mmCIF file of all heavy atoms, coordinates in Angstrom:
data_MODEL
# 
_entry.id   MODEL 
# 
loop_
_atom_site.group_PDB 
_atom_site.id 
_atom_site.type_symbol 
_atom_site.label_atom_id 
_atom_site.label_alt_id 
_atom_site.label_comp_id 
_atom_site.label_asym_id 
_atom_site.label_entity_id 
_atom_site.label_seq_id 
_atom_site.pdbx_PDB_ins_code 
_atom_site.Cartn_x 
_atom_site.Cartn_y 
_atom_site.Cartn_z 
_atom_site.occupancy 
_atom_site.B_iso_or_equiv 
_atom_site.pdbx_formal_charge 
_atom_site.auth_seq_id 
_atom_site.auth_comp_id 
_atom_site.auth_asym_id 
_atom_site.auth_atom_id 
_atom_site.pdbx_PDB_model_num 
ATOM 1   N N   . ARG A 1 1  ? -3.510 39.098 -14.033 1.00 0.00 ? 1  ARG A N   1 
ATOM 2   C CA  . ARG A 1 1  ? -4.115 39.018 -12.691 1.00 0.00 ? 1  ARG A CA  1 
ATOM 3   C C   . ARG A 1 1  ? -4.122 37.567 -12.189 1.00 0.00 ? 1  ARG A C   1 
ATOM 4   O O   . ARG A 1 1  ? -3.874 37.307 -11.004 1.00 0.00 ? 1  ARG A O   1 
ATOM 5   C CB  . ARG A 1 1  ? -5.533 39.599 -12.728 1.00 0.00 ? 1  ARG A CB  1 
ATOM 6   C CG  . ARG A 1 1  ? -5.570 41.117 -12.788 1.00 0.00 ? 1  ARG A CG  1 
ATOM 7   C CD  . ARG A 1 1  ? -6.970 41.651 -12.538 1.00 0.00 ? 1  ARG A CD  1 
ATOM 8   N NE  . ARG A 1 1  ? -7.825 41.455 -13.682 1.00 0.00 ? 1  ARG A NE  1 
ATOM 9   C CZ  . ARG A 1 1  ? -8.020 42.351 -14.633 1.00 0.00 ? 1  ARG A CZ  1 
ATOM 10  N NH1 . ARG A 1 1  ? -7.358 43.511 -14.591 1.00 0.00 ? 1  ARG A NH1 1 
ATOM 11  N NH2 . ARG A 1 1  ? -8.837 42.120 -15.634 1.00 0.00 ? 1  ARG A NH2 1 
ATOM 12  N N   . GLU A 1 2  ? -4.416 36.626 -13.099 1.00 0.00 ? 2  GLU A N   1 
ATOM 13  C CA  . GLU A 1 2  ? -4.403 35.216 -12.709 1.00 0.00 ? 2  GLU A CA  1 
ATOM 14  C C   . GLU A 1 2  ? -2.996 34.781 -12.327 1.00 0.00 ? 2  GLU A C   1 
ATOM 15  O O   . GLU A 1 2  ? -2.795 34.046 -11.356 1.00 0.00 ? 2  GLU A O   1 
ATOM 16  C CB  . GLU A 1 2  ? -4.928 34.353 -13.850 1.00 0.00 ? 2  GLU A CB  1 
ATOM 17  C CG  . GLU A 1 2  ? -4.967 32.858 -13.542 1.00 0.00 ? 2  GLU A CG  1 
ATOM 18  C CD  . GLU A 1 2  ? -5.798 32.521 -12.326 1.00 0.00 ? 2  GLU A CD  1 
ATOM 19  O OE1 . GLU A 1 2  ? -6.803 33.212 -12.065 1.00 0.00 ? 2  GLU A OE1 1 
ATOM 20  O OE2 . GLU A 1 2  ? -5.428 31.557 -11.617 1.00 0.00 ? 2  GLU A OE2 1 
ATOM 21  N N   . ALA A 1 3  ? -1.998 35.252 -13.098 1.00 0.00 ? 3  ALA A N   1 
ATOM 22  C CA  . ALA A 1 3  ? -0.616 34.938 -12.771 1.00 0.00 ? 3  ALA A CA  1 
ATOM 23  C C   . ALA A 1 3  ? -0.242 35.511 -11.416 1.00 0.00 ? 3  ALA A C   1 
ATOM 24  O O   . ALA A 1 3  ? 0.460  34.869 -10.622 1.00 0.00 ? 3  ALA A O   1 
ATOM 25  C CB  . ALA A 1 3  ? 0.309  35.482 -13.854 1.00 0.00 ? 3  ALA A CB  1 
ATOM 26  N N   . ALA A 1 4  ? -0.746 36.744 -11.167 1.00 0.00 ? 4  ALA A N   1 
ATOM 27  C CA  . ALA A 1 4  ? -0.467 37.366 -9.870  1.00 0.00 ? 4  ALA A CA  1 
ATOM 28  C C   . ALA A 1 4  ? -1.127 36.584 -8.744  1.00 0.00 ? 4  ALA A C   1 
ATOM 29  O O   . ALA A 1 4  ? -0.540 36.396 -7.666  1.00 0.00 ? 4  ALA A O   1 
ATOM 30  C CB  . ALA A 1 4  ? -0.945 38.805 -9.871  1.00 0.00 ? 4  ALA A CB  1 
ATOM 31  N N   . ARG A 1 5  ? -2.372 36.145 -9.002  1.00 0.00 ? 5  ARG A N   1 
ATOM 32  C CA  . ARG A 1 5  ? -3.063 35.350 -7.969  1.00 0.00 ? 5  ARG A CA  1 
ATOM 33  C C   . ARG A 1 5  ? -2.330 34.032 -7.728  1.00 0.00 ? 5  ARG A C   1 
ATOM 34  O O   . ARG A 1 5  ? -2.170 33.588 -6.581  1.00 0.00 ? 5  ARG A O   1 
ATOM 35  C CB  . ARG A 1 5  ? -4.509 35.103 -8.392  1.00 0.00 ? 5  ARG A CB  1 
ATOM 36  C CG  . ARG A 1 5  ? -5.406 36.321 -8.299  1.00 0.00 ? 5  ARG A CG  1 
ATOM 37  C CD  . ARG A 1 5  ? -6.884 35.961 -8.413  1.00 0.00 ? 5  ARG A CD  1 
ATOM 38  N NE  . ARG A 1 5  ? -7.209 35.464 -9.742  1.00 0.00 ? 5  ARG A NE  1 
ATOM 39  C CZ  . ARG A 1 5  ? -7.643 36.246 -10.744 1.00 0.00 ? 5  ARG A CZ  1 
ATOM 40  N NH1 . ARG A 1 5  ? -7.753 37.550 -10.544 1.00 0.00 ? 5  ARG A NH1 1 
ATOM 41  N NH2 . ARG A 1 5  ? -7.940 35.721 -11.907 1.00 0.00 ? 5  ARG A NH2 1 
ATOM 42  N N   . GLN A 1 6  ? -1.882 33.378 -8.829  1.00 0.00 ? 6  GLN A N   1 
ATOM 43  C CA  . GLN A 1 6  ? -1.143 32.116 -8.706  1.00 0.00 ? 6  GLN A CA  1 
ATOM 44  C C   . GLN A 1 6  ? 0.156  32.328 -7.941  1.00 0.00 ? 6  GLN A C   1 
ATOM 45  O O   . GLN A 1 6  ? 0.527  31.529 -7.073  1.00 0.00 ? 6  GLN A O   1 
ATOM 46  C CB  . GLN A 1 6  ? -0.859 31.553 -10.095 1.00 0.00 ? 6  GLN A CB  1 
ATOM 47  C CG  . GLN A 1 6  ? -0.113 30.218 -10.098 1.00 0.00 ? 6  GLN A CG  1 
ATOM 48  C CD  . GLN A 1 6  ? -0.914 29.092 -9.472  1.00 0.00 ? 6  GLN A CD  1 
ATOM 49  O OE1 . GLN A 1 6  ? -2.158 29.109 -9.506  1.00 0.00 ? 6  GLN A OE1 1 
ATOM 50  N NE2 . GLN A 1 6  ? -0.215 28.144 -8.853  1.00 0.00 ? 6  GLN A NE2 1 
ATOM 51  N N   . GLN A 1 7  ? 0.825  33.430 -8.253  1.00 0.00 ? 7  GLN A N   1 
ATOM 52  C CA  . GLN A 1 7  ? 2.068  33.731 -7.547  1.00 0.00 ? 7  GLN A CA  1 
ATOM 53  C C   . GLN A 1 7  ? 1.802  33.963 -6.070  1.00 0.00 ? 7  GLN A C   1 
ATOM 54  O O   . GLN A 1 7  ? 2.579  33.526 -5.217  1.00 0.00 ? 7  GLN A O   1 
ATOM 55  C CB  . GLN A 1 7  ? 2.733  34.962 -8.171  1.00 0.00 ? 7  GLN A CB  1 
ATOM 56  C CG  . GLN A 1 7  ? 4.105  35.276 -7.601  1.00 0.00 ? 7  GLN A CG  1 
ATOM 57  C CD  . GLN A 1 7  ? 4.739  36.475 -8.276  1.00 0.00 ? 7  GLN A CD  1 
ATOM 58  O OE1 . GLN A 1 7  ? 4.048  37.280 -8.883  1.00 0.00 ? 7  GLN A OE1 1 
ATOM 59  N NE2 . GLN A 1 7  ? 6.046  36.586 -8.176  1.00 0.00 ? 7  GLN A NE2 1 
ATOM 60  N N   . ALA A 1 8  ? 0.675  34.664 -5.789  1.00 0.00 ? 8  ALA A N   1 
ATOM 61  C CA  . ALA A 1 8  ? 0.325  34.911 -4.388  1.00 0.00 ? 8  ALA A CA  1 
ATOM 62  C C   . ALA A 1 8  ? 0.047  33.602 -3.668  1.00 0.00 ? 8  ALA A C   1 
ATOM 63  O O   . ALA A 1 8  ? 0.454  33.407 -2.509  1.00 0.00 ? 8  ALA A O   1 
ATOM 64  C CB  . ALA A 1 8  ? -0.873 35.842 -4.312  1.00 0.00 ? 8  ALA A CB  1 
ATOM 65  N N   . ARG A 1 9  ? -0.661 32.671 -4.372  1.00 0.00 ? 9  ARG A N   1 
ATOM 66  C CA  . ARG A 1 9  ? -0.941 31.374 -3.757  1.00 0.00 ? 9  ARG A CA  1 
ATOM 67  C C   . ARG A 1 9  ? 0.352  30.599 -3.497  1.00 0.00 ? 9  ARG A C   1 
ATOM 68  O O   . ARG A 1 9  ? 0.526  29.964 -2.447  1.00 0.00 ? 9  ARG A O   1 
ATOM 69  C CB  . ARG A 1 9  ? -1.882 30.562 -4.657  1.00 0.00 ? 9  ARG A CB  1 
ATOM 70  C CG  . ARG A 1 9  ? -3.317 31.059 -4.662  1.00 0.00 ? 9  ARG A CG  1 
ATOM 71  C CD  . ARG A 1 9  ? -4.261 30.050 -5.267  1.00 0.00 ? 9  ARG A CD  1 
ATOM 72  N NE  . ARG A 1 9  ? -4.012 29.850 -6.695  1.00 0.00 ? 9  ARG A NE  1 
ATOM 73  C CZ  . ARG A 1 9  ? -4.602 30.540 -7.650  1.00 0.00 ? 9  ARG A CZ  1 
ATOM 74  N NH1 . ARG A 1 9  ? -5.484 31.483 -7.344  1.00 0.00 ? 9  ARG A NH1 1 
ATOM 75  N NH2 . ARG A 1 9  ? -4.347 30.289 -8.917  1.00 0.00 ? 9  ARG A NH2 1 
ATOM 76  N N   . GLU A 1 10 ? 1.258  30.661 -4.460  1.00 0.00 ? 10 GLU A N   1 
ATOM 77  C CA  . GLU A 1 10 ? 2.522  29.959 -4.299  1.00 0.00 ? 10 GLU A CA  1 
ATOM 78  C C   . GLU A 1 10 ? 3.341  30.543 -3.152  1.00 0.00 ? 10 GLU A C   1 
ATOM 79  O O   . GLU A 1 10 ? 3.996  29.820 -2.399  1.00 0.00 ? 10 GLU A O   1 
ATOM 80  C CB  . GLU A 1 10 ? 3.306  30.001 -5.600  1.00 0.00 ? 10 GLU A CB  1 
ATOM 81  C CG  . GLU A 1 10 ? 2.683  29.158 -6.700  1.00 0.00 ? 10 GLU A CG  1 
ATOM 82  C CD  . GLU A 1 10 ? 3.418  29.287 -8.010  1.00 0.00 ? 10 GLU A CD  1 
ATOM 83  O OE1 . GLU A 1 10 ? 4.376  30.101 -8.073  1.00 0.00 ? 10 GLU A OE1 1 
ATOM 84  O OE2 . GLU A 1 10 ? 3.049  28.594 -8.978  1.00 0.00 ? 10 GLU A OE2 1 
ATOM 85  N N   . LEU A 1 11 ? 3.300  31.877 -3.055  1.00 0.00 ? 11 LEU A N   1 
ATOM 86  C CA  . LEU A 1 11 ? 4.017  32.517 -1.948  1.00 0.00 ? 11 LEU A CA  1 
ATOM 87  C C   . LEU A 1 11 ? 3.418  32.121 -0.599  1.00 0.00 ? 11 LEU A C   1 
ATOM 88  O O   . LEU A 1 11 ? 4.149  31.893 0.382   1.00 0.00 ? 11 LEU A O   1 
ATOM 89  C CB  . LEU A 1 11 ? 3.990  34.048 -2.116  1.00 0.00 ? 11 LEU A CB  1 
ATOM 90  C CG  . LEU A 1 11 ? 4.845  34.598 -3.265  1.00 0.00 ? 11 LEU A CG  1 
ATOM 91  C CD1 . LEU A 1 11 ? 4.591  36.089 -3.444  1.00 0.00 ? 11 LEU A CD1 1 
ATOM 92  C CD2 . LEU A 1 11 ? 6.334  34.354 -3.013  1.00 0.00 ? 11 LEU A CD2 1 
ATOM 93  N N   . ASP A 1 12 ? 2.067  32.064 -0.575  1.00 0.00 ? 12 ASP A N   1 
ATOM 94  C CA  . ASP A 1 12 ? 1.409  31.627 0.663   1.00 0.00 ? 12 ASP A CA  1 
ATOM 95  C C   . ASP A 1 12 ? 1.812  30.191 1.001   1.00 0.00 ? 12 ASP A C   1 
ATOM 96  O O   . ASP A 1 12 ? 2.074  29.854 2.175   1.00 0.00 ? 12 ASP A O   1 
ATOM 97  C CB  . ASP A 1 12 ? -0.114 31.728 0.512   1.00 0.00 ? 12 ASP A CB  1 
ATOM 98  C CG  . ASP A 1 12 ? -0.596 33.162 0.488   1.00 0.00 ? 12 ASP A CG  1 
ATOM 99  O OD1 . ASP A 1 12 ? 0.174  34.049 0.900   1.00 0.00 ? 12 ASP A OD1 1 
ATOM 100 O OD2 . ASP A 1 12 ? -1.735 33.397 0.038   1.00 0.00 ? 12 ASP A OD2 1 
ATOM 101 N N   . ARG A 1 13 ? 1.852  29.300 0.005   1.00 0.00 ? 13 ARG A N   1 
ATOM 102 C CA  . ARG A 1 13 ? 2.236  27.897 0.215   1.00 0.00 ? 13 ARG A CA  1 
ATOM 103 C C   . ARG A 1 13 ? 3.667  27.803 0.704   1.00 0.00 ? 13 ARG A C   1 
ATOM 104 O O   . ARG A 1 13 ? 3.984  27.037 1.617   1.00 0.00 ? 13 ARG A O   1 
ATOM 105 C CB  . ARG A 1 13 ? 2.083  27.127 -1.092  1.00 0.00 ? 13 ARG A CB  1 
ATOM 106 C CG  . ARG A 1 13 ? 2.512  25.673 -1.048  1.00 0.00 ? 13 ARG A CG  1 
ATOM 107 C CD  . ARG A 1 13 ? 1.693  24.870 -0.080  1.00 0.00 ? 13 ARG A CD  1 
ATOM 108 N NE  . ARG A 1 13 ? 2.080  23.481 -0.083  1.00 0.00 ? 13 ARG A NE  1 
ATOM 109 C CZ  . ARG A 1 13 ? 1.739  22.615 0.869   1.00 0.00 ? 13 ARG A CZ  1 
ATOM 110 N NH1 . ARG A 1 13 ? 1.014  23.025 1.921   1.00 0.00 ? 13 ARG A NH1 1 
ATOM 111 N NH2 . ARG A 1 13 ? 2.112  21.352 0.793   1.00 0.00 ? 13 ARG A NH2 1 
ATOM 112 N N   . LEU A 1 14 ? 4.548  28.621 0.096   1.00 0.00 ? 14 LEU A N   1 
ATOM 113 C CA  . LEU A 1 14 ? 5.941  28.622 0.507   1.00 0.00 ? 14 LEU A CA  1 
ATOM 114 C C   . LEU A 1 14 ? 6.095  29.082 1.946   1.00 0.00 ? 14 LEU A C   1 
ATOM 115 O O   . LEU A 1 14 ? 6.865  28.504 2.723   1.00 0.00 ? 14 LEU A O   1 
ATOM 116 C CB  . LEU A 1 14 ? 6.740  29.536 -0.434  1.00 0.00 ? 14 LEU A CB  1 
ATOM 117 C CG  . LEU A 1 14 ? 8.246  29.638 -0.172  1.00 0.00 ? 14 LEU A CG  1 
ATOM 118 C CD1 . LEU A 1 14 ? 8.900  28.266 -0.288  1.00 0.00 ? 14 LEU A CD1 1 
ATOM 119 C CD2 . LEU A 1 14 ? 8.896  30.631 -1.126  1.00 0.00 ? 14 LEU A CD2 1 
ATOM 120 N N   . ALA A 1 15 ? 5.327  30.108 2.297   1.00 0.00 ? 15 ALA A N   1 
ATOM 121 C CA  . ALA A 1 15 ? 5.381  30.600 3.674   1.00 0.00 ? 15 ALA A CA  1 
ATOM 122 C C   . ALA A 1 15 ? 4.908  29.526 4.640   1.00 0.00 ? 15 ALA A C   1 
ATOM 123 O O   . ALA A 1 15 ? 5.462  29.367 5.740   1.00 0.00 ? 15 ALA A O   1 
ATOM 124 C CB  . ALA A 1 15 ? 4.535  31.864 3.802   1.00 0.00 ? 15 ALA A CB  1 
ATOM 125 N N   . GLU A 1 16 ? 3.853  28.819 4.243   1.00 0.00 ? 16 GLU A N   1 
ATOM 126 C CA  . GLU A 1 16 ? 3.329  27.736 5.084   1.00 0.00 ? 16 GLU A CA  1 
ATOM 127 C C   . GLU A 1 16 ? 4.368  26.644 5.251   1.00 0.00 ? 16 GLU A C   1 
ATOM 128 O O   . GLU A 1 16 ? 4.577  26.099 6.355   1.00 0.00 ? 16 GLU A O   1 
ATOM 129 C CB  . GLU A 1 16 ? 2.058  27.174 4.457   1.00 0.00 ? 16 GLU A CB  1 
ATOM 130 C CG  . GLU A 1 16 ? 1.382  26.079 5.272   1.00 0.00 ? 16 GLU A CG  1 
ATOM 131 C CD  . GLU A 1 16 ? 0.853  26.586 6.604   1.00 0.00 ? 16 GLU A CD  1 
ATOM 132 O OE1 . GLU A 1 16 ? 0.544  27.802 6.693   1.00 0.00 ? 16 GLU A OE1 1 
ATOM 133 O OE2 . GLU A 1 16 ? 0.755  25.797 7.553   1.00 0.00 ? 16 GLU A OE2 1 
ATOM 134 N N   . LEU A 1 17 ? 5.045  26.280 4.140   1.00 0.00 ? 17 LEU A N   1 
ATOM 135 C CA  . LEU A 1 17 ? 6.088  25.272 4.205   1.00 0.00 ? 17 LEU A CA  1 
ATOM 136 C C   . LEU A 1 17 ? 7.237  25.712 5.103   1.00 0.00 ? 17 LEU A C   1 
ATOM 137 O O   . LEU A 1 17 ? 7.802  24.908 5.865   1.00 0.00 ? 17 LEU A O   1 
ATOM 138 C CB  . LEU A 1 17 ? 6.610  24.959 2.802   1.00 0.00 ? 17 LEU A CB  1 
ATOM 139 C CG  . LEU A 1 17 ? 5.645  24.185 1.892   1.00 0.00 ? 17 LEU A CG  1 
ATOM 140 C CD1 . LEU A 1 17 ? 6.210  24.106 0.482   1.00 0.00 ? 17 LEU A CD1 1 
ATOM 141 C CD2 . LEU A 1 17 ? 5.372  22.789 2.446   1.00 0.00 ? 17 LEU A CD2 1 
ATOM 142 N N   . GLU A 1 18 ? 7.562  27.002 5.005   1.00 0.00 ? 18 GLU A N   1 
ATOM 143 C CA  . GLU A 1 18 ? 8.633  27.510 5.857   1.00 0.00 ? 18 GLU A CA  1 
ATOM 144 C C   . GLU A 1 18 ? 8.249  27.443 7.323   1.00 0.00 ? 18 GLU A C   1 
ATOM 145 O O   . GLU A 1 18 ? 9.072  27.084 8.183   1.00 0.00 ? 18 GLU A O   1 
ATOM 146 C CB  . GLU A 1 18 ? 8.970  28.959 5.465   1.00 0.00 ? 18 GLU A CB  1 
ATOM 147 C CG  . GLU A 1 18 ? 9.696  29.058 4.132   1.00 0.00 ? 18 GLU A CG  1 
ATOM 148 C CD  . GLU A 1 18 ? 9.938  30.501 3.721   1.00 0.00 ? 18 GLU A CD  1 
ATOM 149 O OE1 . GLU A 1 18 ? 9.330  31.409 4.343   1.00 0.00 ? 18 GLU A OE1 1 
ATOM 150 O OE2 . GLU A 1 18 ? 10.722 30.732 2.785   1.00 0.00 ? 18 GLU A OE2 1 
ATOM 151 N N   . ARG A 1 19 ? 6.995  27.780 7.612   1.00 0.00 ? 19 ARG A N   1 
ATOM 152 C CA  . ARG A 1 19 ? 6.531  27.686 9.009   1.00 0.00 ? 19 ARG A CA  1 
ATOM 153 C C   . ARG A 1 19 ? 6.569  26.234 9.491   1.00 0.00 ? 19 ARG A C   1 
ATOM 154 O O   . ARG A 1 19 ? 6.990  25.934 10.613  1.00 0.00 ? 19 ARG A O   1 
ATOM 155 C CB  . ARG A 1 19 ? 5.107  28.262 9.124   1.00 0.00 ? 19 ARG A CB  1 
ATOM 156 C CG  . ARG A 1 19 ? 5.041  29.772 9.052   1.00 0.00 ? 19 ARG A CG  1 
ATOM 157 C CD  . ARG A 1 19 ? 3.701  30.293 9.531   1.00 0.00 ? 19 ARG A CD  1 
ATOM 158 N NE  . ARG A 1 19 ? 2.594  29.815 8.705   1.00 0.00 ? 19 ARG A NE  1 
ATOM 159 C CZ  . ARG A 1 19 ? 2.176  30.409 7.611   1.00 0.00 ? 19 ARG A CZ  1 
ATOM 160 N NH1 . ARG A 1 19 ? 2.793  31.526 7.203   1.00 0.00 ? 19 ARG A NH1 1 
ATOM 161 N NH2 . ARG A 1 19 ? 1.174  29.918 6.918   1.00 0.00 ? 19 ARG A NH2 1 
ATOM 162 N N   . PHE A 1 20 ? 6.114  25.315 8.601   1.00 0.00 ? 20 PHE A N   1 
ATOM 163 C CA  . PHE A 1 20 ? 6.115  23.890 8.962   1.00 0.00 ? 20 PHE A CA  1 
ATOM 164 C C   . PHE A 1 20 ? 7.541  23.402 9.169   1.00 0.00 ? 20 PHE A C   1 
ATOM 165 O O   . PHE A 1 20 ? 7.826  22.625 10.092  1.00 0.00 ? 20 PHE A O   1 
ATOM 166 C CB  . PHE A 1 20 ? 5.425  23.079 7.863   1.00 0.00 ? 20 PHE A CB  1 
ATOM 167 C CG  . PHE A 1 20 ? 5.409  21.604 8.124   1.00 0.00 ? 20 PHE A CG  1 
ATOM 168 C CD1 . PHE A 1 20 ? 4.532  21.057 9.067   1.00 0.00 ? 20 PHE A CD1 1 
ATOM 169 C CD2 . PHE A 1 20 ? 6.297  20.757 7.464   1.00 0.00 ? 20 PHE A CD2 1 
ATOM 170 C CE1 . PHE A 1 20 ? 4.532  19.691 9.310   1.00 0.00 ? 20 PHE A CE1 1 
ATOM 171 C CE2 . PHE A 1 20 ? 6.289  19.403 7.705   1.00 0.00 ? 20 PHE A CE2 1 
ATOM 172 C CZ  . PHE A 1 20 ? 5.403  18.858 8.634   1.00 0.00 ? 20 PHE A CZ  1 
ATOM 173 N N   . GLN A 1 21 ? 8.435  23.881 8.273   1.00 0.00 ? 21 GLN A N   1 
ATOM 174 C CA  . GLN A 1 21 ? 9.829  23.456 8.392   1.00 0.00 ? 21 GLN A CA  1 
ATOM 175 C C   . GLN A 1 21 ? 10.431 23.917 9.709   1.00 0.00 ? 21 GLN A C   1 
ATOM 176 O O   . GLN A 1 21 ? 11.139 23.174 10.394  1.00 0.00 ? 21 GLN A O   1 
ATOM 177 C CB  . GLN A 1 21 ? 10.620 24.001 7.213   1.00 0.00 ? 21 GLN A CB  1 
ATOM 178 C CG  . GLN A 1 21 ? 12.061 23.506 7.179   1.00 0.00 ? 21 GLN A CG  1 
ATOM 179 C CD  . GLN A 1 21 ? 12.813 24.070 5.995   1.00 0.00 ? 21 GLN A CD  1 
ATOM 180 O OE1 . GLN A 1 21 ? 12.462 25.126 5.488   1.00 0.00 ? 21 GLN A OE1 1 
ATOM 181 N NE2 . GLN A 1 21 ? 13.845 23.362 5.571   1.00 0.00 ? 21 GLN A NE2 1 
ATOM 182 N N   . ARG A 1 22 ? 10.143 25.199 10.004  1.00 0.00 ? 22 ARG A N   1 
ATOM 183 C CA  . ARG A 1 22 ? 10.674 25.709 11.268  1.00 0.00 ? 22 ARG A CA  1 
ATOM 184 C C   . ARG A 1 22 ? 10.144 24.914 12.455  1.00 0.00 ? 22 ARG A C   1 
ATOM 185 O O   . ARG A 1 22 ? 10.871 24.596 13.406  1.00 0.00 ? 22 ARG A O   1 
ATOM 186 C CB  . ARG A 1 22 ? 10.321 27.203 11.413  1.00 0.00 ? 22 ARG A CB  1 
ATOM 187 C CG  . ARG A 1 22 ? 11.122 28.113 10.515  1.00 0.00 ? 22 ARG A CG  1 
ATOM 188 C CD  . ARG A 1 22 ? 11.003 29.546 10.949  1.00 0.00 ? 22 ARG A CD  1 
ATOM 189 N NE  . ARG A 1 22 ? 9.624  30.030 10.839  1.00 0.00 ? 22 ARG A NE  1 
ATOM 190 C CZ  . ARG A 1 22 ? 9.119  30.593 9.755   1.00 0.00 ? 22 ARG A CZ  1 
ATOM 191 N NH1 . ARG A 1 22 ? 9.887  30.739 8.680   1.00 0.00 ? 22 ARG A NH1 1 
ATOM 192 N NH2 . ARG A 1 22 ? 7.876  31.009 9.744   1.00 0.00 ? 22 ARG A NH2 1 
ATOM 193 N N   . LEU A 1 23 ? 8.861  24.580 12.407  1.00 0.00 ? 23 LEU A N   1 
ATOM 194 C CA  . LEU A 1 23 ? 8.259  23.796 13.485  1.00 0.00 ? 23 LEU A CA  1 
ATOM 195 C C   . LEU A 1 23 ? 8.882  22.401 13.548  1.00 0.00 ? 23 LEU A C   1 
ATOM 196 O O   . LEU A 1 23 ? 9.219  21.895 14.624  1.00 0.00 ? 23 LEU A O   1 
ATOM 197 C CB  . LEU A 1 23 ? 6.745  23.695 13.252  1.00 0.00 ? 23 LEU A CB  1 
ATOM 198 C CG  . LEU A 1 23 ? 5.948  22.917 14.296  1.00 0.00 ? 23 LEU A CG  1 
ATOM 199 C CD1 . LEU A 1 23 ? 6.087  23.570 15.678  1.00 0.00 ? 23 LEU A CD1 1 
ATOM 200 C CD2 . LEU A 1 23 ? 4.473  22.834 13.905  1.00 0.00 ? 23 LEU A CD2 1 
ATOM 201 N N   . THR A 1 24 ? 9.056  21.785 12.399  1.00 0.00 ? 24 THR A N   1 
ATOM 202 C CA  . THR A 1 24 ? 9.636  20.433 12.344  1.00 0.00 ? 24 THR A CA  1 
ATOM 203 C C   . THR A 1 24 ? 11.076 20.441 12.840  1.00 0.00 ? 24 THR A C   1 
ATOM 204 O O   . THR A 1 24 ? 11.487 19.573 13.638  1.00 0.00 ? 24 THR A O   1 
ATOM 205 C CB  . THR A 1 24 ? 9.587  19.901 10.905  1.00 0.00 ? 24 THR A CB  1 
ATOM 206 O OG1 . THR A 1 24 ? 8.228  19.902 10.465  1.00 0.00 ? 24 THR A OG1 1 
ATOM 207 C CG2 . THR A 1 24 ? 10.149 18.492 10.836  1.00 0.00 ? 24 THR A CG2 1 
# 
């Protein structure tokens, strides 16, 4: 479950980076 939560956090971070990249 912790690994799943960590993966979810990483996916959220990646999505945020992708949004920032698109904006940049």
